């Protein structure tokens, strides 16, 4: 994800095209399909009830790197996964940020549209139509009207193809547009307007799509090529340090294959290592790690760390 990793398969090199007080926010899911306003803030609140009046850039969202690339990814067999579970379960568990790689497809539908695919590095490691994962996201948003989801795209297709996929999957009605240079909206206003899907792309080709936000106009990130714990640091990589949104890349990949490592993920996703690293970067830069990005989110204490960063512990 995010043009991240040099990937090696069977010793053949392949370079992906770029594979104080804290706000009170939580990340526990809500299954309610009603539009009832969230309950008042307290330690047991769920969903956006915990941060209803905060701005989008005042929230920390548990974010999954290569979110689609799941071990238990039926009906797709992803060979070198970065996550244990499909996006539908990730969202139900409380993940709110999804990093997704989108590549050109190889077959047309009945209208002649060639559907983009999601895969990491090579399609033979596991792939499926981008629309499949978008439908999972749409179903979650349909059923959870007080939840907000962010997609961060590593994009090898045009914005027009992304737009067509959004339309085909029924997500257009949820797409949120933010005007560059203005303050971020509150989550309350986003929910009330039902514009609850934020889309960023690492390609600057938005054209007429106001909801298609160029990632590096809004975000700054830490490095993404850590191969051991010592490589994890707070140094800025891409993006302007003045940007209000901060992506904290906190995952370790295998040196040769560039793939996820579940055992190591469990170690670095556990506290106190995770929370200490997040606080170190936050204190260094004076920025809340809005997108706490991990492999194998279901291992360790990622949600506890997010809860603490948001002042609920």
C-alpha atoms as a PDB file:
ATOM      1  CA  UNK A   1       0.000   0.000   0.000  1.00  0.00           C
ATOM      2  CA  UNK A   2       1.025   3.597  -0.615  1.00  0.00           C
ATOM      3  CA  UNK A   3       3.655   2.660  -3.166  1.00  0.00           C
ATOM      4  CA  UNK A   4       5.287   1.048  -0.234  1.00  0.00           C
ATOM      5  CA  UNK A   5       7.540  -1.875  -0.589  1.00  0.00           C
ATOM      6  CA  UNK A   6      10.273  -3.178  -2.754  1.00  0.00           C
ATOM      7  CA  UNK A   7       8.888  -6.686  -3.232  1.00  0.00           C
ATOM      8  CA  UNK A   8      10.983  -9.716  -3.908  1.00  0.00           C
ATOM      9  CA  UNK A   9       9.430 -12.943  -5.130  1.00  0.00           C
ATOM     10  CA  UNK A  10      11.605 -15.985  -5.608  1.00  0.00           C
ATOM     11  CA  UNK A  11      14.706 -13.794  -5.562  1.00  0.00           C
ATOM     12  CA  UNK A  12      13.410 -11.652  -8.455  1.00  0.00           C
ATOM     13  CA  UNK A  13      13.440  -7.976  -7.595  1.00  0.00           C
ATOM     14  CA  UNK A  14      10.229  -6.037  -8.178  1.00  0.00           C
ATOM     15  CA  UNK A  15       9.943  -2.424  -7.058  1.00  0.00           C
ATOM     16  CA  UNK A  16       6.306  -1.474  -6.528  1.00  0.00           C
ATOM     17  CA  UNK A  17       5.403   1.929  -7.887  1.00  0.00           C
ATOM     18  CA  UNK A  18       5.519   3.230  -4.476  1.00  0.00           C
ATOM     19  CA  UNK A  19       4.010   0.038  -3.102  1.00  0.00           C
ATOM     20  CA  UNK A  20      -0.859  18.623  26.895  1.00  0.00           C
ATOM     21  CA  UNK A  21      -4.476  17.146  26.496  1.00  0.00           C
ATOM     22  CA  UNK A  22      -5.640  14.604  24.043  1.00  0.00           C
ATOM     23  CA  UNK A  23      -9.104  14.689  22.461  1.00  0.00           C
ATOM     24  CA  UNK A  24     -11.517  12.099  23.787  1.00  0.00           C
ATOM     25  CA  UNK A  25     -12.186   9.628  20.987  1.00  0.00           C
ATOM     26  CA  UNK A  26     -12.869   5.904  20.813  1.00  0.00           C
ATOM     27  CA  UNK A  27     -13.061   3.303  18.081  1.00  0.00           C
ATOM     28  CA  UNK A  28     -15.575   0.738  19.182  1.00  0.00           C
ATOM     29  CA  UNK A  29     -18.107  -0.166  16.529  1.00  0.00           C
ATOM     30  CA  UNK A  30     -21.840   0.465  16.665  1.00  0.00           C
ATOM     31  CA  UNK A  31     -24.354  -1.835  14.995  1.00  0.00           C
ATOM     32  CA  UNK A  32     -27.321   0.480  15.358  1.00  0.00           C
ATOM     33  CA  UNK A  33     -29.126   1.229  12.115  1.00  0.00           C
ATOM     34  CA  UNK A  34     -31.015   4.176  13.615  1.00  0.00           C
ATOM     35  CA  UNK A  35     -30.221   7.843  13.191  1.00  0.00           C
ATOM     36  CA  UNK A  36     -30.531   8.572  16.920  1.00  0.00           C
ATOM     37  CA  UNK A  37     -27.906  11.100  18.055  1.00  0.00           C
ATOM     38  CA  UNK A  38     -24.989   9.521  19.924  1.00  0.00           C
ATOM     39  CA  UNK A  39     -25.079   9.267  23.694  1.00  0.00           C
ATOM     40  CA  UNK A  40     -23.087  11.772  25.802  1.00  0.00           C
ATOM     41  CA  UNK A  41     -19.337  11.233  26.112  1.00  0.00           C
ATOM     42  CA  UNK A  42     -18.330   8.769  28.805  1.00  0.00           C
ATOM     43  CA  UNK A  43     -15.887   5.935  29.278  1.00  0.00           C
ATOM     44  CA  UNK A  44     -18.295   3.316  27.930  1.00  0.00           C
ATOM     45  CA  UNK A  45     -19.513   5.155  24.840  1.00  0.00           C
ATOM     46  CA  UNK A  46     -19.444   3.447  21.474  1.00  0.00           C
ATOM     47  CA  UNK A  47     -18.726   4.578  17.936  1.00  0.00           C
ATOM     48  CA  UNK A  48     -18.691   8.274  17.158  1.00  0.00           C
ATOM     49  CA  UNK A  49     -20.591   8.996  20.371  1.00  0.00           C
ATOM     50  CA  UNK A  50     -17.099   9.302  21.815  1.00  0.00           C
ATOM     51  CA  UNK A  51     -15.992  12.142  19.549  1.00  0.00           C
ATOM     52  CA  UNK A  52     -19.132  13.556  17.943  1.00  0.00           C
ATOM     53  CA  UNK A  53     -18.072  17.201  18.300  1.00  0.00           C
ATOM     54  CA  UNK A  54     -14.402  16.772  17.341  1.00  0.00           C
ATOM     55  CA  UNK A  55     -13.005  17.778  13.990  1.00  0.00           C
ATOM     56  CA  UNK A  56     -11.902  15.053  11.597  1.00  0.00           C
ATOM     57  CA  UNK A  57      -8.233  15.955  12.166  1.00  0.00           C
ATOM     58  CA  UNK A  58      -8.681  15.640  15.945  1.00  0.00           C
ATOM     59  CA  UNK A  59      -9.438  11.919  15.684  1.00  0.00           C
ATOM     60  CA  UNK A  60      -7.142   8.902  15.717  1.00  0.00           C
ATOM     61  CA  UNK A  61      -8.357   6.099  13.454  1.00  0.00           C
ATOM     62  CA  UNK A  62      -7.064   2.540  13.612  1.00  0.00           C
ATOM     63  CA  UNK A  63      -5.938   1.993  10.014  1.00  0.00           C
ATOM     64  CA  UNK A  64      -5.039  -1.219   8.198  1.00  0.00           C
ATOM     65  CA  UNK A  65      -2.130  -1.370   5.766  1.00  0.00           C
ATOM     66  CA  UNK A  66      -3.065  -3.311   2.605  1.00  0.00           C
ATOM     67  CA  UNK A  67      -6.491  -3.747   4.142  1.00  0.00           C
ATOM     68  CA  UNK A  68      -7.791  -6.009   1.348  1.00  0.00           C
ATOM     69  CA  UNK A  69      -4.817  -8.397   1.588  1.00  0.00           C
ATOM     70  CA  UNK A  70      -6.284 -10.752   4.170  1.00  0.00           C
ATOM     71  CA  UNK A  71      -5.431 -14.294   5.189  1.00  0.00           C
ATOM     72  CA  UNK A  72      -9.075 -15.202   5.832  1.00  0.00           C
ATOM     73  CA  UNK A  73     -10.085 -13.427   2.650  1.00  0.00           C
ATOM     74  CA  UNK A  74     -12.680 -15.832   1.197  1.00  0.00           C
ATOM     75  CA  UNK A  75     -13.457 -16.071  -1.641  1.00  0.00           C
ATOM     76  CA  UNK A  76      -9.916 -14.872  -2.432  1.00  0.00           C
ATOM     77  CA  UNK A  77      -6.794 -16.725  -1.395  1.00  0.00           C
ATOM     78  CA  UNK A  78      -4.217 -13.991  -0.736  1.00  0.00           C
ATOM     79  CA  UNK A  79      -0.836 -15.692  -0.527  1.00  0.00           C
ATOM     80  CA  UNK A  80       1.162 -13.108   1.412  1.00  0.00           C
ATOM     81  CA  UNK A  81      -1.354 -11.351   3.690  1.00  0.00           C
ATOM     82  CA  UNK A  82      -1.015  -8.192   5.747  1.00  0.00           C
ATOM     83  CA  UNK A  83      -4.225  -8.742   7.717  1.00  0.00           C
ATOM     84  CA  UNK A  84      -6.042 -11.679   9.260  1.00  0.00           C
ATOM     85  CA  UNK A  85      -9.592 -10.748   8.244  1.00  0.00           C
ATOM     86  CA  UNK A  86     -11.524  -9.197   5.368  1.00  0.00           C
ATOM     87  CA  UNK A  87     -12.510  -5.540   5.350  1.00  0.00           C
ATOM     88  CA  UNK A  88     -16.073  -6.298   6.445  1.00  0.00           C
ATOM     89  CA  UNK A  89     -14.841  -7.782   9.724  1.00  0.00           C
ATOM     90  CA  UNK A  90     -12.192  -5.083  10.125  1.00  0.00           C
ATOM     91  CA  UNK A  91     -14.912  -2.440  10.069  1.00  0.00           C
ATOM     92  CA  UNK A  92     -17.098  -4.361  12.499  1.00  0.00           C
ATOM     93  CA  UNK A  93     -14.111  -4.691  14.841  1.00  0.00           C
ATOM     94  CA  UNK A  94     -13.507  -0.924  14.840  1.00  0.00           C
ATOM     95  CA  UNK A  95     -11.041  -0.227  12.015  1.00  0.00           C
ATOM     96  CA  UNK A  96     -11.903   3.102  10.372  1.00  0.00           C
ATOM     97  CA  UNK A  97      -9.005   3.693   7.958  1.00  0.00           C
ATOM     98  CA  UNK A  98      -8.318   1.377   5.001  1.00  0.00           C
ATOM     99  CA  UNK A  99      -5.231   1.450   2.775  1.00  0.00           C
ATOM    100  CA  UNK A 100      -6.088  -0.124  -0.574  1.00  0.00           C
ATOM    101  CA  UNK A 101      -4.006  -0.746  -3.733  1.00  0.00           C
ATOM    102  CA  UNK A 102      -5.993  -0.368  -6.972  1.00  0.00           C
ATOM    103  CA  UNK A 103      -4.667  -1.737 -10.295  1.00  0.00           C
ATOM    104  CA  UNK A 104      -6.021  -1.971 -13.846  1.00  0.00           C
ATOM    105  CA  UNK A 105      -8.392  -4.871 -14.444  1.00  0.00           C
ATOM    106  CA  UNK A 106      -8.320  -7.441 -17.220  1.00  0.00           C
ATOM    107  CA  UNK A 107     -11.964  -8.035 -18.121  1.00  0.00           C
ATOM    108  CA  UNK A 108     -14.957  -5.865 -18.985  1.00  0.00           C
ATOM    109  CA  UNK A 109     -18.452  -6.000 -17.508  1.00  0.00           C
ATOM    110  CA  UNK A 110     -21.676  -5.907 -19.541  1.00  0.00           C
ATOM    111  CA  UNK A 111     -21.305  -2.161 -20.090  1.00  0.00           C
ATOM    112  CA  UNK A 112     -17.745  -2.467 -21.356  1.00  0.00           C
ATOM    113  CA  UNK A 113     -16.242  -1.065 -18.146  1.00  0.00           C
ATOM    114  CA  UNK A 114     -12.986  -2.790 -17.188  1.00  0.00           C
ATOM    115  CA  UNK A 115     -13.240  -3.164 -13.449  1.00  0.00           C
ATOM    116  CA  UNK A 116     -10.095  -2.241 -11.476  1.00  0.00           C
ATOM    117  CA  UNK A 117      -8.575  -4.931  -9.248  1.00  0.00           C
ATOM    118  CA  UNK A 118      -7.057  -4.876  -5.790  1.00  0.00           C
ATOM    119  CA  UNK A 119      -3.830  -6.754  -5.196  1.00  0.00           C
ATOM    120  CA  UNK A 120      -0.384  -6.272  -3.697  1.00  0.00           C
ATOM    121  CA  UNK A 121       2.582  -6.432  -6.054  1.00  0.00           C
ATOM    122  CA  UNK A 122       1.373  -9.162  -8.414  1.00  0.00           C
ATOM    123  CA  UNK A 123      -2.167 -10.297  -9.210  1.00  0.00           C
ATOM    124  CA  UNK A 124      -1.206 -13.962  -8.832  1.00  0.00           C
ATOM    125  CA  UNK A 125      -0.696 -13.406  -5.102  1.00  0.00           C
ATOM    126  CA  UNK A 126      -4.471 -12.859  -4.869  1.00  0.00           C
ATOM    127  CA  UNK A 127      -6.791 -10.316  -6.458  1.00  0.00           C
ATOM    128  CA  UNK A 128     -10.429  -9.343  -6.764  1.00  0.00           C
ATOM    129  CA  UNK A 129     -12.487  -6.480  -8.216  1.00  0.00           C
ATOM    130  CA  UNK A 130     -12.135  -3.189  -6.369  1.00  0.00           C
ATOM    131  CA  UNK A 131     -15.922  -3.026  -6.341  1.00  0.00           C
ATOM    132  CA  UNK A 132     -16.047  -6.098  -4.096  1.00  0.00           C
ATOM    133  CA  UNK A 133     -14.333  -4.304  -1.230  1.00  0.00           C
ATOM    134  CA  UNK A 134     -16.263  -1.100  -1.902  1.00  0.00           C
ATOM    135  CA  UNK A 135     -19.518  -3.026  -1.530  1.00  0.00           C
ATOM    136  CA  UNK A 136     -18.323  -4.277   1.870  1.00  0.00           C
ATOM    137  CA  UNK A 137     -17.682  -0.676   2.891  1.00  0.00           C
ATOM    138  CA  UNK A 138     -21.077   0.454   1.568  1.00  0.00           C
ATOM    139  CA  UNK A 139     -22.875  -2.288   3.483  1.00  0.00           C
ATOM    140  CA  UNK A 140     -21.138  -1.191   6.672  1.00  0.00           C
ATOM    141  CA  UNK A 141     -22.024   2.475   6.151  1.00  0.00           C
ATOM    142  CA  UNK A 142     -25.623   1.525   5.341  1.00  0.00           C
ATOM    143  CA  UNK A 143     -25.924  -0.373   8.611  1.00  0.00           C
ATOM    144  CA  UNK A 144     -23.971   2.077  10.793  1.00  0.00           C
ATOM    145  CA  UNK A 145     -25.242   5.608  10.108  1.00  0.00           C
ATOM    146  CA  UNK A 146     -23.063   7.284  12.739  1.00  0.00           C
ATOM    147  CA  UNK A 147     -19.754   5.862  11.495  1.00  0.00           C
ATOM    148  CA  UNK A 148     -17.131   7.480   9.252  1.00  0.00           C
ATOM    149  CA  UNK A 149     -14.659   5.524   7.112  1.00  0.00           C
ATOM    150  CA  UNK A 150     -11.502   6.720   5.353  1.00  0.00           C
ATOM    151  CA  UNK A 151      -9.960   5.080   2.266  1.00  0.00           C
ATOM    152  CA  UNK A 152      -6.314   5.802   1.390  1.00  0.00           C
ATOM    153  CA  UNK A 153      -5.591   4.650  -2.149  1.00  0.00           C
ATOM    154  CA  UNK A 154      -2.367   3.578  -3.767  1.00  0.00           C
ATOM    155  CA  UNK A 155      -3.690   4.145  -7.251  1.00  0.00           C
ATOM    156  CA  UNK A 156      -2.639   2.788 -10.636  1.00  0.00           C
ATOM    157  CA  UNK A 157      -5.907   3.689 -12.371  1.00  0.00           C
ATOM    158  CA  UNK A 158      -7.546   7.010 -13.223  1.00  0.00           C
ATOM    159  CA  UNK A 159      -9.859   9.017 -11.004  1.00  0.00           C
ATOM    160  CA  UNK A 160     -12.612   8.371 -13.570  1.00  0.00           C
ATOM    161  CA  UNK A 161     -12.215   4.624 -13.016  1.00  0.00           C
ATOM    162  CA  UNK A 162     -12.326   5.118  -9.254  1.00  0.00           C
ATOM    163  CA  UNK A 163     -15.465   7.243  -9.657  1.00  0.00           C
ATOM    164  CA  UNK A 164     -17.147   4.575 -11.788  1.00  0.00           C
ATOM    165  CA  UNK A 165     -16.328   1.952  -9.159  1.00  0.00           C
ATOM    166  CA  UNK A 166     -17.804   4.162  -6.433  1.00  0.00           C
ATOM    167  CA  UNK A 167     -20.971   4.595  -8.446  1.00  0.00           C
ATOM    168  CA  UNK A 168     -21.295   0.898  -9.284  1.00  0.00           C
ATOM    169  CA  UNK A 169     -20.895  -0.052  -5.615  1.00  0.00           C
ATOM    170  CA  UNK A 170     -23.476   2.463  -4.372  1.00  0.00           C
ATOM    171  CA  UNK A 171     -21.030   4.628  -2.415  1.00  0.00           C
ATOM    172  CA  UNK A 172     -21.464   7.918  -4.272  1.00  0.00           C
ATOM    173  CA  UNK A 173     -24.059   9.224  -1.809  1.00  0.00           C
ATOM    174  CA  UNK A 174     -21.566   8.917   1.060  1.00  0.00           C
ATOM    175  CA  UNK A 175     -18.579  10.661  -0.553  1.00  0.00           C
ATOM    176  CA  UNK A 176     -17.279  13.602   1.473  1.00  0.00           C
ATOM    177  CA  UNK A 177     -15.625  16.681  -0.055  1.00  0.00           C
ATOM    178  CA  UNK A 178     -13.216  18.909   1.844  1.00  0.00           C
ATOM    179  CA  UNK A 179     -11.930  22.217   0.534  1.00  0.00           C
ATOM    180  CA  UNK A 180      -8.162  22.463   0.741  1.00  0.00           C
ATOM    181  CA  UNK A 181      -6.913  25.227   3.024  1.00  0.00           C
ATOM    182  CA  UNK A 182      -9.992  25.270   5.260  1.00  0.00           C
ATOM    183  CA  UNK A 183     -10.509  23.778   8.704  1.00  0.00           C
ATOM    184  CA  UNK A 184     -11.663  20.198   8.800  1.00  0.00           C
ATOM    185  CA  UNK A 185     -15.343  19.659   9.501  1.00  0.00           C
ATOM    186  CA  UNK A 186     -16.599  18.124  12.700  1.00  0.00           C
ATOM    187  CA  UNK A 187     -17.581  14.503  12.652  1.00  0.00           C
ATOM    188  CA  UNK A 188     -21.039  15.628  13.775  1.00  0.00           C
ATOM    189  CA  UNK A 189     -21.512  17.716  10.639  1.00  0.00           C
ATOM    190  CA  UNK A 190     -20.219  14.910   8.416  1.00  0.00           C
ATOM    191  CA  UNK A 191     -22.662  12.476   9.983  1.00  0.00           C
ATOM    192  CA  UNK A 192     -25.605  14.861   9.809  1.00  0.00           C
ATOM    193  CA  UNK A 193     -24.956  15.486   6.111  1.00  0.00           C
ATOM    194  CA  UNK A 194     -24.464  11.710   5.604  1.00  0.00           C
ATOM    195  CA  UNK A 195     -21.125  12.365   3.889  1.00  0.00           C
ATOM    196  CA  UNK A 196     -19.246   9.691   5.779  1.00  0.00           C
ATOM    197  CA  UNK A 197     -16.661   8.317   3.340  1.00  0.00           C
ATOM    198  CA  UNK A 198     -13.374  10.223   2.982  1.00  0.00           C
ATOM    199  CA  UNK A 199     -11.193   9.248   0.015  1.00  0.00           C
ATOM    200  CA  UNK A 200      -7.502  10.084  -0.424  1.00  0.00           C
ATOM    201  CA  UNK A 201      -5.332   9.084  -3.396  1.00  0.00           C
ATOM    202  CA  UNK A 202      -1.572   9.203  -3.862  1.00  0.00           C
ATOM    203  CA  UNK A 203      -2.147  10.311  -7.483  1.00  0.00           C
ATOM    204  CA  UNK A 204      -3.000  13.957  -8.111  1.00  0.00           C
ATOM    205  CA  UNK A 205      -5.625  13.589 -10.830  1.00  0.00           C
ATOM    206  CA  UNK A 206      -8.876  14.535  -9.159  1.00  0.00           C
ATOM    207  CA  UNK A 207     -10.226  16.406 -12.170  1.00  0.00           C
ATOM    208  CA  UNK A 208     -13.809  17.439 -11.421  1.00  0.00           C
ATOM    209  CA  UNK A 209     -14.240  15.089  -8.450  1.00  0.00           C
ATOM    210  CA  UNK A 210     -14.211  17.282  -5.353  1.00  0.00           C
ATOM    211  CA  UNK A 211     -14.310  14.192  -3.106  1.00  0.00           C
ATOM    212  CA  UNK A 212     -11.077  12.805  -4.607  1.00  0.00           C
ATOM    213  CA  UNK A 213      -8.455  14.302  -2.296  1.00  0.00           C
ATOM    214  CA  UNK A 214      -4.769  14.251  -3.202  1.00  0.00           C
ATOM    215  CA  UNK A 215      -3.161  12.572  -0.212  1.00  0.00           C
ATOM    216  CA  UNK A 216      -0.069  14.720   0.027  1.00  0.00           C
ATOM    217  CA  UNK A 217      -2.064  17.950   0.046  1.00  0.00           C
ATOM    218  CA  UNK A 218      -3.477  16.897   3.403  1.00  0.00           C
ATOM    219  CA  UNK A 219      -1.220  14.306   5.063  1.00  0.00           C
ATOM    220  CA  UNK A 220       2.345  13.736   6.186  1.00  0.00           C
ATOM    221  CA  UNK A 221       3.663  10.257   6.968  1.00  0.00           C
ATOM    222  CA  UNK A 222       6.489   8.412   8.638  1.00  0.00           C
ATOM    223  CA  UNK A 223       8.582   5.891   6.681  1.00  0.00           C
ATOM    224  CA  UNK A 224       7.043   2.674   5.419  1.00  0.00           C
ATOM    225  CA  UNK A 225       9.990   0.348   4.815  1.00  0.00           C
ATOM    226  CA  UNK A 226      10.840  -0.906   8.297  1.00  0.00           C
ATOM    227  CA  UNK A 227      12.283  -4.442   8.365  1.00  0.00           C
ATOM    228  CA  UNK A 228      13.009  -4.617  12.112  1.00  0.00           C
ATOM    229  CA  UNK A 229      11.994  -2.792  15.279  1.00  0.00           C
ATOM    230  CA  UNK A 230      14.995  -0.477  15.112  1.00  0.00           C
ATOM    231  CA  UNK A 231      13.784   0.812  11.710  1.00  0.00           C
ATOM    232  CA  UNK A 232      10.564   2.129  13.232  1.00  0.00           C
ATOM    233  CA  UNK A 233      11.093   5.833  13.818  1.00  0.00           C
ATOM    234  CA  UNK A 234       9.289   9.166  13.753  1.00  0.00           C
ATOM    235  CA  UNK A 235      11.094  10.696  10.778  1.00  0.00           C
ATOM    236  CA  UNK A 236       8.838  12.288   8.213  1.00  0.00           C
ATOM    237  CA  UNK A 237       8.803  10.704   4.771  1.00  0.00           C
ATOM    238  CA  UNK A 238       6.273  11.953   2.208  1.00  0.00           C
ATOM    239  CA  UNK A 239       3.988  14.948   2.595  1.00  0.00           C
ATOM    240  CA  UNK A 240       4.412  18.450   3.978  1.00  0.00           C
ATOM    241  CA  UNK A 241       5.050  18.713   7.717  1.00  0.00           C
ATOM    242  CA  UNK A 242       2.530  21.579   7.790  1.00  0.00           C
ATOM    243  CA  UNK A 243      -0.302  19.262   6.712  1.00  0.00           C
ATOM    244  CA  UNK A 244      -2.791  18.672   9.515  1.00  0.00           C
ATOM    245  CA  UNK A 245      -3.238  14.898   9.091  1.00  0.00           C
ATOM    246  CA  UNK A 246      -0.509  12.513  10.268  1.00  0.00           C
ATOM    247  CA  UNK A 247      -0.076   8.913   9.061  1.00  0.00           C
ATOM    248  CA  UNK A 248       1.989   6.882  11.531  1.00  0.00           C
ATOM    249  CA  UNK A 249       3.175   3.811   9.594  1.00  0.00           C
ATOM    250  CA  UNK A 250       3.786   1.163  12.245  1.00  0.00           C
ATOM    251  CA  UNK A 251       4.460  -2.162  10.537  1.00  0.00           C
ATOM    252  CA  UNK A 252       7.466  -4.347   9.729  1.00  0.00           C
ATOM    253  CA  UNK A 253       7.815  -6.244   6.470  1.00  0.00           C
ATOM    254  CA  UNK A 254      10.076  -9.103   5.462  1.00  0.00           C
ATOM    255  CA  UNK A 255      13.311  -7.899   3.881  1.00  0.00           C
ATOM    256  CA  UNK A 256      13.259 -10.238   0.887  1.00  0.00           C
ATOM    257  CA  UNK A 257       9.547 -10.615   0.172  1.00  0.00           C
ATOM    258  CA  UNK A 258       8.257  -7.298   1.470  1.00  0.00           C
ATOM    259  CA  UNK A 259       5.303  -9.111   3.082  1.00  0.00           C
ATOM    260  CA  UNK A 260       3.632  -8.885   6.470  1.00  0.00           C
ATOM    261  CA  UNK A 261       4.958 -10.763   9.486  1.00  0.00           C
ATOM    262  CA  UNK A 262       2.190 -11.737  11.905  1.00  0.00           C
ATOM    263  CA  UNK A 263       4.411 -12.777  14.809  1.00  0.00           C
ATOM    264  CA  UNK A 264       6.382  -9.535  14.736  1.00  0.00           C
ATOM    265  CA  UNK A 265       3.156  -7.591  14.197  1.00  0.00           C
ATOM    266  CA  UNK A 266       1.772  -8.984  17.432  1.00  0.00           C
ATOM    267  CA  UNK A 267       4.897  -7.811  19.240  1.00  0.00           C
ATOM    268  CA  UNK A 268       4.977  -4.261  17.870  1.00  0.00           C
ATOM    269  CA  UNK A 269       1.176  -3.881  18.051  1.00  0.00           C
ATOM    270  CA  UNK A 270       1.295  -4.606  21.778  1.00  0.00           C
ATOM    271  CA  UNK A 271       1.602  -2.078  24.551  1.00  0.00           C
ATOM    272  CA  UNK A 272       3.716  -0.524  25.880  1.00  0.00           C
ATOM    273  CA  UNK A 273       5.738  -0.663  22.644  1.00  0.00           C
ATOM    274  CA  UNK A 274       2.966   0.665  20.392  1.00  0.00           C
ATOM    275  CA  UNK A 275       1.653   3.394  22.652  1.00  0.00           C
ATOM    276  CA  UNK A 276       5.162   4.551  23.542  1.00  0.00           C
ATOM    277  CA  UNK A 277       6.134   4.828  19.865  1.00  0.00           C
ATOM    278  CA  UNK A 278       2.961   6.727  19.035  1.00  0.00           C
ATOM    279  CA  UNK A 279       3.490   9.151  21.924  1.00  0.00           C
ATOM    280  CA  UNK A 280       7.135   9.594  20.993  1.00  0.00           C
ATOM    281  CA  UNK A 281       6.167  10.667  17.466  1.00  0.00           C
ATOM    282  CA  UNK A 282       3.311  12.816  18.706  1.00  0.00           C
ATOM    283  CA  UNK A 283       5.535  14.639  21.177  1.00  0.00           C
ATOM    284  CA  UNK A 284       8.288  15.097  18.612  1.00  0.00           C
ATOM    285  CA  UNK A 285       6.061  16.573  15.923  1.00  0.00           C
ATOM    286  CA  UNK A 286       3.222  18.035  17.965  1.00  0.00           C
ATOM    287  CA  UNK A 287       0.761  16.047  15.844  1.00  0.00           C
ATOM    288  CA  UNK A 288      -1.860  13.500  16.763  1.00  0.00           C
ATOM    289  CA  UNK A 289      -1.266  10.267  14.790  1.00  0.00           C
ATOM    290  CA  UNK A 290      -4.606  10.420  12.977  1.00  0.00           C
ATOM    291  CA  UNK A 291      -4.029   7.197  11.052  1.00  0.00           C
ATOM    292  CA  UNK A 292      -2.441   4.596  13.311  1.00  0.00           C
ATOM    293  CA  UNK A 293      -1.485   2.179  10.529  1.00  0.00           C
ATOM    294  CA  UNK A 294      -0.670  -1.449  11.260  1.00  0.00           C
ATOM    295  CA  UNK A 295      -0.445  -4.952   9.837  1.00  0.00           C
ATOM    296  CA  UNK A 296      -2.528  -7.683  11.506  1.00  0.00           C
ATOM    297  CA  UNK A 297      -4.610  -5.208  13.513  1.00  0.00           C
ATOM    298  CA  UNK A 298      -6.310  -8.062  15.382  1.00  0.00           C
ATOM    299  CA  UNK A 299      -3.061  -8.918  17.193  1.00  0.00           C
ATOM    300  CA  UNK A 300      -1.753  -6.876  20.096  1.00  0.00           C
ATOM    301  CA  UNK A 301      -3.393  -3.814  21.643  1.00  0.00           C
ATOM    302  CA  UNK A 302      -4.071  -1.482  18.711  1.00  0.00           C
ATOM    303  CA  UNK A 303      -7.534  -0.404  19.856  1.00  0.00           C
ATOM    304  CA  UNK A 304      -6.330   0.132  23.427  1.00  0.00           C
ATOM    305  CA  UNK A 305      -3.518   2.317  22.130  1.00  0.00           C
ATOM    306  CA  UNK A 306      -5.948   4.374  20.063  1.00  0.00           C
ATOM    307  CA  UNK A 307      -8.238   4.747  23.048  1.00  0.00           C
ATOM    308  CA  UNK A 308      -5.373   6.017  25.194  1.00  0.00           C
ATOM    309  CA  UNK A 309      -4.183   8.447  22.529  1.00  0.00           C
ATOM    310  CA  UNK A 310      -7.676   9.841  22.461  1.00  0.00           C
ATOM    311  CA  UNK A 311      -7.814  10.410  26.193  1.00  0.00           C
ATOM    312  CA  UNK A 312     -10.260   7.681  27.105  1.00  0.00           C
ATOM    313  CA  UNK A 313      -7.811   5.746  29.294  1.00  0.00           C
END
